Amino acid sequence: MAKAFASRGDLADKKISFTQIGDGLWAFTAEGDPNTGVIIGDDSVMIVDAQATPRLAQMVVEHIRKVTDKPIKYVVLSHYHAVRVLGASAFHAQEIIASEKCRAMISERGQEDWDSEFARFPRLFQGHESIPGLTWPSLTFTDKMTLYLGRRRVDLMHLGRAHTAGDIVTYVPDAGAMFTGDIVEYHSACYCGDGHFNDWGATLDAINGFHLDAIAPGRGDALIGRAIVDEAIENTRDFVASTYAPAARVAARGGSLKEAFAAVRARCDPKFSTYAIYEHCLPFNVARAYDEALGMDTPRIWTAQRDLDMWQALQG
């Protein structure tokens, strides 16, 4: 029997957790759904990633108001994907911040990604009618931006390509904590359809160099303690490498995308098949790995029709 397309069959609500990972630092998580980070400073609040719709973002606001009444001043976008950015309007922030590359990707492929993700994962778009349009950053930077929430310093950094070309991390030095976006996941499949496999490991090395005491990954539980932080980084590294290597070997010998899919499944199923959104991600991951192995540096734009064609070819 053909598998349901992407996550169309994933309709069950997830258990929400609001976990403190440091002084004034919180992670809104939901069993493998996209996470949102919260940084509380002396005078204001910063949000890291905005959920897919204003309705879902309002759930984050409700949890924030249980721990602080300070105004939400900034929304930081770790990258351009619709499930991370389209809820931003609910926070009524003074500024929306992203990398310059992220803004360029919104311009280049933001609408296509919105249409694509909406079709792939309808549960994440509850209240989609309230989305006012594409989310555009009001502040951008190239490599690094430092902001202060009163005395609390927050560093926004592009450490390298990984999940997308425009990924940034949000580092809070006084707590030794980082919000990594989808560069790091925990017991959730990495979505690599817009990724850069050959750069991802070096970006993980850069994150590891901060010797962090806590991280909020893009998906999965918030993590406290260096041992579990290191585990998540290395597990992400293994997932990315285990996806790319079999696909690259097939591409190098002139094999087909379908053969690459079988090779990656043989390598990854035993280790990762129980991870959240694994079956959803697998065909998109293999398609991108195969393209990159053939020398395509910039990921092709996913459209709703391309999604369906690829899914039918590989997972149907």
Protein backbone atom coordinates (compact mmCIF):
# COMPACT_ATOMS: atom_id res chain seq x y z
CA MET A 1 0.00 0.00 0.00
CA ALA A 2 1.33 3.46 -0.90
CA LYS A 3 2.40 5.62 2.03
CA ALA A 4 0.40 8.77 2.76
CA PHE A 5 2.13 11.74 1.16
CA ALA A 6 4.65 13.37 3.47
CA SER A 7 2.83 14.11 6.76
CA ARG A 8 -0.74 14.38 5.51
CA GLY A 9 -1.62 11.41 7.68
CA ASP A 10 -0.06 12.93 10.82
CA LEU A 11 -3.14 14.49 12.37
CA ALA A 12 -2.75 13.75 16.08
CA ASP A 13 -2.01 16.67 18.40
CA LYS A 14 1.39 16.58 20.09
CA LYS A 15 2.14 17.10 23.76
CA ILE A 16 3.56 20.57 24.31
CA SER A 17 6.41 21.19 26.74
CA PHE A 18 7.79 24.54 27.89
CA THR A 19 11.21 23.72 29.28
CA GLN A 20 13.62 26.02 31.06
CA ILE A 21 17.17 25.48 29.76
CA GLY A 22 18.83 28.32 31.66
CA ASP A 23 18.08 31.50 33.58
CA GLY A 24 15.38 33.22 31.51
CA LEU A 25 15.77 30.73 28.66
CA TRP A 26 12.90 28.51 27.54
CA ALA A 27 12.13 26.06 24.77
CA PHE A 28 8.63 25.45 23.43
CA THR A 29 8.69 21.88 22.09
CA ALA A 30 6.06 19.41 20.87
CA GLU A 31 7.30 15.86 20.29
CA GLY A 32 9.19 16.51 17.07
CA ASP A 33 7.17 19.45 15.76
CA PRO A 34 9.11 22.69 15.13
CA ASN A 35 10.49 24.26 18.32
CA THR A 36 10.46 27.90 19.38
CA GLY A 37 13.02 29.47 21.69
CA VAL A 38 12.41 32.22 24.24
CA ILE A 39 15.12 34.49 25.67
CA ILE A 40 14.12 36.82 28.52
CA GLY A 41 16.38 39.77 29.17
CA ASP A 42 16.27 42.62 31.66
CA ASP A 43 13.86 44.69 29.62
CA SER A 44 12.44 42.57 26.82
CA VAL A 45 11.99 39.16 25.21
CA MET A 46 13.47 37.61 22.08
CA ILE A 47 11.77 34.80 20.16
CA VAL A 48 13.75 32.29 18.10
CA ASP A 49 11.60 30.85 15.29
CA ALA A 50 7.96 31.76 15.00
CA GLN A 51 5.87 28.64 14.25
CA ALA A 52 3.88 28.17 11.04
CA THR A 53 0.80 30.29 11.78
CA PRO A 54 -0.22 33.12 14.10
CA ARG A 55 -2.62 30.73 15.86
CA LEU A 56 0.21 28.36 16.77
CA ALA A 57 2.47 31.27 17.69
CA GLN A 58 -0.21 32.52 20.08
CA MET A 59 0.22 29.27 22.03
CA VAL A 60 3.86 30.23 22.54
CA VAL A 61 2.82 33.69 23.72
CA GLU A 62 0.45 32.12 26.26
CA HIS A 63 3.31 30.11 27.74
CA ILE A 64 5.59 33.15 27.79
CA ARG A 65 3.02 35.13 29.74
CA LYS A 66 3.11 32.52 32.48
CA VAL A 67 6.76 33.42 33.19
CA THR A 68 7.15 37.10 32.21
CA ASP A 69 5.16 40.18 31.26
CA LYS A 70 8.08 41.87 29.49
CA PRO A 71 7.44 43.03 25.92
CA ILE A 72 8.48 40.86 23.00
CA LYS A 73 10.98 43.03 21.12
CA TYR A 74 12.65 40.68 18.63
CA VAL A 75 11.73 37.67 16.54
CA VAL A 76 14.77 35.85 15.14
CA LEU A 77 14.36 33.52 12.17
CA SER A 78 16.92 30.72 12.06
CA HIS A 79 16.15 30.16 8.35
CA TYR A 80 13.45 30.74 5.75
CA HIS A 81 11.19 27.67 5.94
CA ALA A 82 7.47 28.39 6.24
CA VAL A 83 6.94 26.39 9.42
CA ARG A 84 9.52 28.63 11.12
CA VAL A 85 8.45 32.05 9.94
CA LEU A 86 4.81 32.49 8.97
CA GLY A 87 3.54 32.89 12.54
CA ALA A 88 5.77 35.89 13.25
CA SER A 89 3.00 38.49 13.15
CA ALA A 90 1.44 37.10 16.36
CA PHE A 91 4.37 38.32 18.45
CA HIS A 92 3.97 42.00 17.46
CA ALA A 93 7.73 42.38 17.69
CA GLN A 94 9.64 45.58 17.05
CA GLU A 95 12.08 43.82 14.72
CA ILE A 96 12.23 40.57 12.76
CA ILE A 97 15.83 39.47 12.25
CA ALA A 98 17.44 36.96 9.89
CA SER A 99 20.57 36.47 7.86
CA GLU A 100 20.84 38.35 4.60
CA LYS A 101 20.94 34.98 2.83
CA CYS A 102 17.70 33.95 4.55
CA ARG A 103 16.01 37.09 3.26
CA ALA A 104 17.27 36.37 -0.25
CA MET A 105 15.87 32.84 -0.03
CA ILE A 106 12.47 34.18 1.06
CA SER A 107 12.51 36.34 -2.04
CA GLU A 108 13.68 33.52 -4.29
CA ARG A 109 11.58 30.62 -3.01
CA GLY A 110 9.49 31.66 -0.02
CA GLN A 111 6.09 31.37 -1.69
CA GLU A 112 6.95 28.02 -3.26
CA ASP A 113 8.09 26.74 0.12
CA TRP A 114 4.87 27.93 1.77
CA ASP A 115 2.75 26.16 -0.83
CA SER A 116 4.91 23.05 -0.59
CA GLU A 117 4.94 22.79 3.19
CA PHE A 118 1.23 23.49 3.49
CA ALA A 119 0.53 20.49 1.27
CA ARG A 120 3.07 18.30 3.05
CA PHE A 121 2.05 18.94 6.66
CA PRO A 122 -1.46 20.43 7.03
CA ARG A 123 -1.59 19.92 10.84
CA LEU A 124 1.19 22.47 11.30
CA PHE A 125 -0.86 25.12 9.51
CA GLN A 126 -3.78 25.37 11.93
CA GLY A 127 -5.33 28.79 11.44
CA HIS A 128 -3.52 29.30 8.14
CA GLU A 129 -6.15 31.83 7.09
CA SER A 130 -4.66 34.27 9.63
CA ILE A 131 -1.23 34.33 7.95
CA PRO A 132 -0.86 37.87 6.55
CA GLY A 133 1.64 36.88 3.85
CA LEU A 134 5.32 36.10 3.59
CA THR A 135 7.35 37.12 6.63
CA TRP A 136 10.03 39.65 5.71
CA PRO A 137 12.93 40.45 8.06
CA SER A 138 13.30 44.08 9.03
CA LEU A 139 16.97 43.62 10.05
CA THR A 140 19.53 41.37 8.37
CA PHE A 141 23.21 40.64 8.73
CA THR A 142 25.88 38.62 6.93
CA ASP A 143 28.01 36.86 9.55
CA LYS A 144 27.25 38.11 13.07
CA MET A 145 24.99 40.49 14.96
CA THR A 146 25.09 41.22 18.69
CA LEU A 147 22.02 42.50 20.52
CA TYR A 148 21.42 43.40 24.15
CA LEU A 149 18.25 42.73 26.09
CA GLY A 150 19.22 45.16 28.81
CA ARG A 151 22.47 43.71 30.12
CA ARG A 152 21.91 40.29 28.53
CA ARG A 153 24.01 39.78 25.42
CA VAL A 154 22.74 37.65 22.54
CA ASP A 155 24.92 36.76 19.55
CA LEU A 156 23.30 35.83 16.24
CA MET A 157 25.75 34.02 13.98
CA HIS A 158 25.95 32.38 10.59
CA LEU A 159 28.43 29.57 11.26
CA GLY A 160 28.12 27.87 7.89
CA ARG A 161 25.67 26.17 5.57
CA ALA A 162 23.79 23.14 6.84
CA HIS A 163 20.00 22.74 6.87
CA THR A 164 19.86 25.69 4.44
CA ALA A 165 22.38 28.16 3.06
CA GLY A 166 21.11 30.90 5.38
CA ASP A 167 21.05 29.16 8.78
CA ILE A 168 21.88 31.14 11.89
CA VAL A 169 22.27 30.17 15.54
CA THR A 170 21.35 32.24 18.59
CA TYR A 171 23.93 32.12 21.40
CA VAL A 172 23.45 33.39 24.95
CA PRO A 173 26.97 33.63 26.41
CA ASP A 174 26.04 34.17 30.07
CA ALA A 175 24.18 30.85 30.09
CA GLY A 176 26.38 28.84 27.71
CA ALA A 177 23.22 28.06 25.75
CA MET A 178 22.35 28.05 22.06
CA PHE A 179 19.24 27.85 19.93
CA THR A 180 20.45 25.98 16.86
CA GLY A 181 17.47 25.90 14.55
CA ASP A 182 17.42 22.79 12.39
CA ILE A 183 21.20 22.50 12.20
CA VAL A 184 20.84 20.16 15.21
CA GLU A 185 17.93 17.81 15.90
CA TYR A 186 17.28 15.39 18.73
CA HIS A 187 15.57 12.07 17.97
CA SER A 188 13.92 13.72 15.00
CA ALA A 189 14.92 13.28 11.39
CA CYS A 190 16.90 16.09 9.82
CA TYR A 191 15.13 17.58 6.82
CA CYS A 192 17.86 17.90 4.20
CA GLY A 193 15.83 18.80 1.12
CA ASP A 194 17.41 22.28 1.04
CA GLY A 195 20.60 21.21 2.78
CA HIS A 196 24.32 21.28 2.12
CA PHE A 197 25.62 17.88 3.14
CA ASN A 198 29.30 18.59 2.57
CA ASP A 199 29.19 21.74 4.72
CA TRP A 200 26.96 20.45 7.52
CA GLY A 201 29.68 18.67 9.48
CA ALA A 202 31.91 21.75 9.66
CA THR A 203 28.96 23.80 10.91
CA LEU A 204 28.35 21.20 13.62
CA ASP A 205 32.05 21.44 14.53
CA ALA A 206 31.64 25.19 14.92
CA ILE A 207 28.68 24.70 17.27
CA ASN A 208 30.59 22.07 19.22
CA GLY A 209 33.42 24.55 19.69
CA PHE A 210 31.25 26.63 22.03
CA HIS A 211 31.26 23.77 24.62
CA LEU A 212 27.62 24.41 25.36
CA ASP A 213 25.79 23.60 28.57
CA ALA A 214 22.36 23.59 26.90
CA ILE A 215 20.76 23.73 23.50
CA ALA A 216 17.27 23.96 22.07
CA PRO A 217 17.44 22.04 18.79
CA GLY A 218 15.13 22.66 15.86
CA ARG A 219 13.05 19.61 16.69
CA GLY A 220 13.02 17.29 19.67
CA ASP A 221 13.52 17.80 23.39
CA ALA A 222 15.39 20.72 24.91
CA LEU A 223 18.77 19.46 26.11
CA ILE A 224 20.60 20.37 29.31
CA GLY A 225 24.11 19.17 30.11
CA ARG A 226 27.19 18.79 27.96
CA ALA A 227 26.87 15.03 27.61
CA ILE A 228 23.45 15.14 25.97
CA VAL A 229 24.38 18.22 23.92
CA ASP A 230 27.38 16.34 22.53
CA GLU A 231 25.17 13.32 21.89
CA ALA A 232 22.70 15.39 19.86
CA ILE A 233 25.44 16.99 17.78
CA GLU A 234 27.06 13.66 16.99
CA ASN A 235 23.73 11.99 16.29
CA THR A 236 22.89 14.76 13.84
CA ARG A 237 26.30 14.32 12.21
CA ASP A 238 25.65 10.59 11.85
CA PHE A 239 22.22 11.16 10.33
CA VAL A 240 23.54 13.57 7.71
CA ALA A 241 26.55 11.42 6.82
CA SER A 242 24.51 8.22 6.72
CA THR A 243 22.11 9.85 4.27
CA TYR A 244 24.70 11.36 1.96
CA ALA A 245 27.31 8.62 1.63
CA PRO A 246 25.10 5.88 0.12
CA ALA A 247 23.42 8.35 -2.26
CA ALA A 248 26.80 9.71 -3.35
CA ARG A 249 28.14 6.23 -4.08
CA VAL A 250 25.15 5.45 -6.27
CA ALA A 251 25.44 8.78 -8.10
CA ALA A 252 29.18 8.26 -8.67
CA ARG A 253 28.61 5.00 -10.53
CA GLY A 254 25.79 6.44 -12.61
CA GLY A 255 22.99 4.76 -10.70
CA SER A 256 19.45 6.07 -10.55
CA LEU A 257 17.70 8.15 -7.91
CA LYS A 258 15.55 5.12 -7.13
CA GLU A 259 18.70 3.07 -6.46
CA ALA A 260 20.03 5.84 -4.23
CA PHE A 261 16.78 5.81 -2.27
CA ALA A 262 17.09 2.06 -1.64
CA ALA A 263 20.73 2.43 -0.60
CA VAL A 264 19.99 5.23 1.86
CA ARG A 265 17.05 3.35 3.31
CA ALA A 266 19.22 0.27 3.86
CA ARG A 267 21.76 2.42 5.73
CA CYS A 268 19.39 4.66 7.69
CA ASP A 269 16.32 2.56 8.53
CA PRO A 270 18.04 0.46 11.21
CA LYS A 271 19.26 3.58 13.04
CA PHE A 272 16.66 6.25 12.44
CA SER A 273 13.32 4.79 11.35
CA THR A 274 11.70 5.51 14.74
CA TYR A 275 12.60 9.21 14.60
CA ALA A 276 9.91 11.85 14.20
CA ILE A 277 9.15 12.74 10.55
CA TYR A 278 11.63 10.15 9.27
CA GLU A 279 9.42 8.81 6.47
CA HIS A 280 8.38 12.36 5.60
CA CYS A 281 11.98 13.52 5.19
CA LEU A 282 13.58 10.50 3.55
CA PRO A 283 12.61 11.02 -0.12
CA PHE A 284 13.40 14.76 -0.01
CA ASN A 285 16.72 14.03 1.69
CA VAL A 286 17.75 11.44 -0.88
CA ALA A 287 16.76 13.68 -3.79
CA ARG A 288 18.92 16.50 -2.45
CA ALA A 289 21.85 14.19 -1.58
CA TYR A 290 21.79 12.75 -5.08
CA ASP A 291 21.75 16.24 -6.64
CA GLU A 292 24.61 17.45 -4.45
CA ALA A 293 26.68 14.37 -5.28
CA LEU A 294 26.21 15.21 -8.97
CA GLY A 295 27.63 18.69 -8.37
CA MET A 296 24.47 20.77 -7.85
CA ASP A 297 25.55 23.26 -5.19
CA THR A 298 22.29 25.25 -4.93
CA PRO A 299 19.28 23.10 -4.02
CA ARG A 300 16.50 23.04 -6.57
CA ILE A 301 13.32 24.80 -5.50
CA TRP A 302 10.68 22.47 -4.14
CA THR A 303 7.19 23.14 -5.44
CA ALA A 304 3.97 21.41 -4.51
CA GLN A 305 3.98 19.58 -7.87
CA ARG A 306 7.64 18.59 -7.65
CA ASP A 307 6.97 17.23 -4.16
CA LEU A 308 4.19 14.98 -5.42
CA ASP A 309 6.12 13.77 -8.46
CA MET A 310 9.19 12.91 -6.39
CA TRP A 311 7.13 11.22 -3.67
CA GLN A 312 5.33 9.04 -6.17
CA ALA A 313 8.60 8.07 -7.82
CA LEU A 314 10.36 7.13 -4.58
CA GLN A 315 7.87 6.49 -1.80
CA GLY A 316 4.66 5.70 -3.66
